[in-house]
Protein backbone atom coordinates (compact mmCIF):
# COMPACT_ATOMS: atom_id res chain seq x y z
CA MET A 1 260.37 154.06 147.29
CA GLU A 2 258.76 153.91 150.75
CA LYS A 3 258.14 157.29 152.31
CA HIS A 4 259.28 158.07 155.81
CA ASN A 5 258.30 160.94 158.05
CA ILE A 6 260.80 163.09 159.92
CA LEU A 7 260.31 161.28 163.23
CA GLU A 8 261.02 157.86 161.63
CA LEU A 9 264.17 159.26 159.90
CA ILE A 10 265.42 160.70 163.16
CA GLN A 11 264.83 157.29 164.92
CA LEU A 12 266.57 155.59 162.07
CA PHE A 13 269.55 157.98 162.20
CA PHE A 14 270.12 157.19 165.91
CA LYS A 15 269.83 153.47 165.22
CA TYR A 16 272.66 153.94 162.68
CA ALA A 17 274.52 155.97 165.25
CA LYS A 18 274.08 153.17 167.88
CA ILE A 19 275.55 150.67 165.42
CA GLY A 20 278.43 153.13 164.87
CA VAL A 21 279.08 153.29 168.58
CA LYS A 22 279.18 149.52 168.87
CA THR A 23 281.58 149.33 165.90
CA THR A 24 283.81 151.99 167.45
CA LEU A 25 283.82 150.21 170.84
CA GLU A 26 284.83 146.89 169.25
CA TYR A 27 288.39 148.16 169.23
CA LYS A 28 288.40 150.46 172.20
CA PHE A 29 292.14 150.99 172.60
CA ASP A 30 292.64 151.81 168.90
CA ARG A 31 289.71 154.30 168.85
CA ILE A 32 290.73 155.94 172.10
CA PHE A 33 294.28 156.24 170.72
CA ILE A 34 293.04 157.83 167.50
CA THR A 35 290.95 160.36 169.53
CA ILE A 36 294.02 161.24 171.61
CA ALA A 37 296.22 161.51 168.48
CA ILE A 38 293.74 163.86 166.86
CA PHE A 39 293.47 165.94 169.97
CA CYS A 40 297.28 166.16 170.35
CA ARG A 41 297.78 166.99 166.64
CA GLU A 42 295.32 169.83 166.76
CA MET A 43 296.55 171.14 170.19
CA ILE A 44 300.12 171.21 168.83
CA SER A 45 299.00 173.49 166.04
CA ILE A 46 297.10 175.64 168.50
CA THR A 47 300.13 175.78 170.83
CA ILE A 48 302.43 176.87 168.02
CA MET A 49 300.03 179.58 167.00
CA TYR A 50 299.68 180.64 170.62
CA LEU A 51 303.48 180.87 171.14
CA ILE A 52 303.76 182.96 167.94
CA LEU A 53 300.94 185.34 168.90
CA LEU A 54 302.48 185.84 172.38
CA ARG A 55 305.19 187.77 170.71
CA PHE A 56 302.68 190.28 169.41
CA VAL A 57 300.19 192.30 171.45
CA ARG A 58 297.85 192.63 168.49
CA ILE A 59 297.86 191.56 164.83
CA LYS A 60 295.93 194.09 162.80
CA GLY A 61 293.78 194.89 165.83
CA TRP A 62 293.10 191.25 166.86
CA GLU A 63 294.21 190.22 170.29
CA LEU A 64 295.32 186.67 171.25
CA ASN A 65 291.98 185.62 172.86
CA GLU A 66 290.03 187.03 169.92
CA MET A 67 292.11 184.97 167.54
CA LEU A 68 291.61 181.77 169.55
CA PHE A 69 287.85 182.51 169.76
CA LEU A 70 287.90 182.74 165.96
CA TYR A 71 289.68 179.41 165.84
CA SER A 72 287.13 177.79 168.21
CA PHE A 73 284.43 178.06 165.48
CA LEU A 74 286.53 175.92 163.13
CA PHE A 75 287.00 173.11 165.63
CA LEU A 76 283.43 173.09 166.99
CA SER A 77 281.75 173.28 163.63
CA TYR A 78 284.14 170.57 162.19
CA SER A 79 283.35 168.38 165.15
CA LEU A 80 279.63 168.73 164.50
CA PHE A 81 280.30 168.13 160.77
CA VAL A 82 282.06 164.78 161.28
CA PHE A 83 279.35 163.71 163.70
CA LEU A 84 276.54 164.42 161.23
CA PHE A 85 278.17 164.08 157.82
CA THR A 86 280.99 161.51 157.99
CA GLY A 87 279.25 159.62 155.21
CA ILE A 88 279.69 162.55 152.84
CA ARG A 89 283.30 162.88 153.85
CA ASP A 90 283.95 159.22 153.17
CA PHE A 91 281.70 158.82 150.11
CA GLU A 92 284.71 158.15 147.93
CA ASP A 93 285.37 154.93 149.97
CA MET A 94 281.75 153.83 149.64
CA VAL A 95 282.02 154.08 145.88
CA TYR A 96 285.47 152.50 145.65
CA TRP A 97 284.62 149.51 147.85
CA GLY A 98 281.18 148.95 146.38
CA GLN A 99 279.23 149.81 149.51
CA PHE A 100 277.22 152.33 147.53
CA ASP A 101 275.67 149.45 145.56
CA ARG A 102 273.95 148.12 148.75
CA ILE A 103 272.62 151.63 149.53
CA LEU A 104 271.01 151.83 146.08
CA LEU A 105 268.99 148.76 146.89
CA ARG A 106 267.47 150.01 150.15
CA PRO A 107 263.96 151.68 150.37
CA VAL A 108 265.32 154.82 152.03
CA GLY A 109 266.60 158.09 150.54
CA LEU A 110 270.16 157.76 149.22
CA MET A 111 271.48 160.92 150.80
CA PHE A 112 269.94 160.11 154.19
CA GLN A 113 271.63 156.66 154.08
CA ILE A 114 274.97 158.19 153.18
CA VAL A 115 274.71 160.71 156.01
CA ALA A 116 273.45 158.25 158.59
CA SER A 117 275.63 155.29 157.71
CA ARG A 118 278.83 156.58 159.37
CA VAL A 119 279.85 158.57 162.40
CA ASP A 120 283.53 159.30 163.10
CA PHE A 121 283.41 159.40 166.92
CA PRO A 122 287.24 159.79 167.36
CA ALA A 123 287.38 162.89 165.08
CA THR A 124 284.19 164.26 166.69
CA LEU A 125 285.71 164.01 170.15
CA GLY A 126 289.25 165.04 169.16
CA HIS A 127 288.22 168.21 167.39
CA GLY A 128 285.30 168.84 169.70
CA ILE A 129 287.41 168.81 172.93
CA VAL A 130 289.92 171.24 171.34
CA GLY A 131 287.03 173.51 170.32
CA ILE A 132 285.43 173.41 173.76
CA ILE A 133 288.77 174.24 175.42
CA LEU A 134 289.27 177.21 173.11
CA PHE A 135 285.71 178.35 173.63
CA ILE A 136 285.74 178.12 177.38
CA ASN A 137 289.01 179.99 177.67
CA THR A 138 288.05 182.81 175.33
CA ALA A 139 284.24 183.24 175.02
CA PHE A 140 283.97 184.91 178.43
CA SER A 141 287.14 187.03 178.21
CA VAL A 142 286.39 188.95 174.98
CA GLY A 143 283.44 190.93 176.26
CA ILE A 144 280.55 188.90 174.90
CA ASP A 145 277.15 189.06 176.61
CA TRP A 146 275.86 185.45 176.33
CA ASN A 147 272.17 186.34 176.33
CA LEU A 148 269.48 184.20 174.59
CA GLN A 149 269.90 185.99 171.21
CA ASN A 150 273.71 185.57 171.12
CA THR A 151 273.47 181.96 172.26
CA ALA A 152 270.90 181.20 169.54
CA TYR A 153 273.10 182.91 166.96
CA PHE A 154 276.18 180.90 168.09
CA ILE A 155 274.30 177.57 167.77
CA SER A 156 272.87 178.46 164.36
CA ALA A 157 276.32 179.55 163.19
CA LEU A 158 277.84 176.22 164.19
CA ILE A 159 275.09 174.28 162.41
CA GLY A 160 275.46 176.47 159.32
CA GLY A 161 279.27 176.09 159.41
CA ALA A 162 278.92 172.29 159.67
CA ILE A 163 276.57 172.30 156.61
CA ILE A 164 279.05 174.54 154.61
CA GLN A 165 281.88 172.11 155.33
CA ALA A 166 279.71 169.20 154.37
CA SER A 167 278.84 170.95 151.15
CA ILE A 168 282.54 171.56 150.35
CA PHE A 169 283.35 167.92 150.99
CA MET A 170 280.44 166.92 148.87
CA VAL A 171 281.89 168.72 145.83
CA SER A 172 284.70 166.24 145.70
CA SER A 173 282.29 163.42 146.47
CA CYS A 174 280.38 164.34 143.19
CA PHE A 175 283.47 163.63 141.21
CA SER A 176 283.64 160.13 142.62
CA PHE A 177 280.95 159.18 140.02
CA TRP A 178 283.48 159.86 137.29
CA ALA A 179 286.95 159.53 138.81
CA ILE A 180 286.24 157.16 141.81
CA LYS A 181 289.37 158.27 143.78
CA THR A 182 289.11 161.96 144.70
CA MET A 183 291.10 162.23 147.90
CA ASN A 184 293.66 164.73 146.50
CA LEU A 185 290.92 166.96 145.14
CA ARG A 186 289.17 166.86 148.55
CA ASN A 187 292.37 167.77 150.31
CA MET A 188 293.13 170.58 147.90
CA ILE A 189 289.64 172.10 148.15
CA PHE A 190 288.88 171.67 151.87
CA PHE A 191 292.01 171.52 153.95
CA ASN A 192 293.98 174.15 152.15
CA ALA A 193 291.08 176.58 152.47
CA ARG A 194 290.68 175.64 156.09
CA ARG A 195 294.25 176.61 156.79
CA PHE A 196 293.56 180.12 155.46
CA ALA A 197 290.41 180.36 157.61
CA GLY A 198 292.47 179.97 160.78
CA TYR A 199 293.15 183.67 160.66
CA PRO A 200 290.93 186.67 159.96
CA ILE A 201 290.35 186.90 156.19
CA SER A 202 291.24 190.62 156.39
CA PHE A 203 294.88 189.47 156.78
CA TYR A 204 294.94 188.26 153.14
CA PRO A 205 295.06 189.87 149.72
CA SER A 206 291.73 190.60 148.01
CA PHE A 207 291.94 187.47 145.82
CA ILE A 208 292.11 185.17 148.92
CA GLN A 209 289.33 187.16 150.66
CA LYS A 210 287.03 186.66 147.62
CA LEU A 211 287.92 182.97 147.42
CA LEU A 212 286.90 182.38 151.06
CA VAL A 213 283.76 184.48 150.70
CA TYR A 214 282.39 183.46 147.31
CA ILE A 215 284.07 180.33 146.07
CA ILE A 216 285.06 178.16 149.11
CA PRO A 217 283.02 180.07 151.74
CA PHE A 218 284.93 179.32 154.85
CA ALA A 219 284.59 182.97 155.91
CA PHE A 220 280.98 182.09 156.89
CA VAL A 221 282.24 179.21 159.02
CA ASN A 222 284.25 181.29 161.50
CA TYR A 223 285.15 184.81 160.40
CA PHE A 224 281.73 186.40 160.06
CA PRO A 225 280.30 184.48 163.00
CA ALA A 226 283.21 185.60 165.19
CA GLN A 227 282.77 189.20 163.88
CA TYR A 228 279.11 189.16 164.92
CA PHE A 229 280.38 189.08 168.51
CA LEU A 230 283.66 191.03 168.27
CA ARG A 231 282.97 193.72 165.72
CA LYS A 232 286.64 194.29 164.94
CA PRO A 233 287.51 197.38 162.78
CA ASP A 234 288.47 195.25 159.75
CA LEU A 235 284.81 194.29 159.40
CA ALA A 236 284.36 197.66 157.64
CA GLY A 237 285.75 196.09 154.51
CA PHE A 238 282.79 193.76 154.12
CA TRP A 239 279.05 194.02 153.87
CA ASN A 240 277.46 193.97 157.34
CA GLY A 241 274.77 191.56 156.16
CA TYR A 242 277.37 188.82 155.86
CA LEU A 243 277.25 188.42 159.63
CA TYR A 244 273.81 186.90 159.45
CA LEU A 245 274.10 184.70 156.40
CA THR A 246 275.92 181.52 157.64
CA PRO A 247 272.83 179.34 157.92
CA LEU A 248 271.50 180.59 154.59
CA VAL A 249 274.80 180.13 152.83
CA GLY A 250 274.96 176.61 154.22
CA ALA A 251 271.45 175.77 153.04
CA ALA A 252 271.98 177.35 149.62
CA LEU A 253 275.40 175.72 148.99
CA PHE A 254 274.15 172.32 150.12
CA THR A 255 271.18 172.59 147.80
CA LEU A 256 273.35 173.52 144.78
CA VAL A 257 275.91 170.77 145.45
CA TYR A 258 273.14 168.26 146.01
CA LEU A 259 271.70 169.04 142.55
CA PHE A 260 275.20 168.46 141.14
CA TRP A 261 275.45 165.21 143.07
CA LYS A 262 272.16 164.06 141.64
CA LYS A 263 273.43 164.83 138.10
CA GLY A 264 276.64 162.85 138.82
CA LEU A 265 274.51 159.92 140.14
CA LYS A 266 273.28 159.32 136.62
CA HIS A 267 276.84 158.51 135.58
CA TYR A 268 277.47 156.04 138.42
CA VAL A 269 278.96 152.71 137.43
CA SER A 270 279.72 150.05 140.05
CA THR A 271 283.36 149.43 140.70
CA GLY A 272 282.72 145.74 141.36
CA ASN A 273 284.51 145.85 144.71
CA SER A 274 282.96 144.74 147.93
CA MET A 275 284.13 144.50 151.48
CA TYR A 276 281.26 142.18 152.48
């Protein structure tokens, strides 16, 4: 297989992205409508939570703006995830429709092609706009000093959170080598855990807390990054070092899941389908 340096891979990634933009703009109205639909769907859930929280001054020491700041991490990191890792999210479709067969024949790394081959711009914009709105309306009202150190931490937490979510999606992608269709597994693992992560994990029983820290580590996507800035009293129930581990958890989890993915690759059998 031909070797490519980092600069060449970055250039190739943006060429893929350019093709994705052209494909998206081919049906402008439909894509714009999808973006608006995603934005409205997520804003409705935020509005419902906002109206509920208005009835309480605090919930276990968390004020409204602090809760929304916590929520902003979910939307911003998910937006970054679908921009960078849509191919991992949609890997099941690649296998089912036979598109993975074409990728196997190209002289570029398989995982790079999967990552670079798709970008979900409507989901990126829909979730990203919600996240930006939440961030702008809360990040400067909860007492955070946005110095260089805090800004660098925030960016690294978003990147780490995006990689963690990519890794969680990739777990279900691994099973596509055996089961082909894994959408229900993906939804069970990812979206159910994401619903729990919308609130501080200290709200939940010990079993749920351990699940979100050690098994499906959504706590490192938003709870511990938010606690780095807020230092709410319920942080006392957890090791302080967790605050700094989001990028490391993302890198370690992606490495482990990638090794599982490589093992599953040996069992790949073409479905015989093809869209092209």
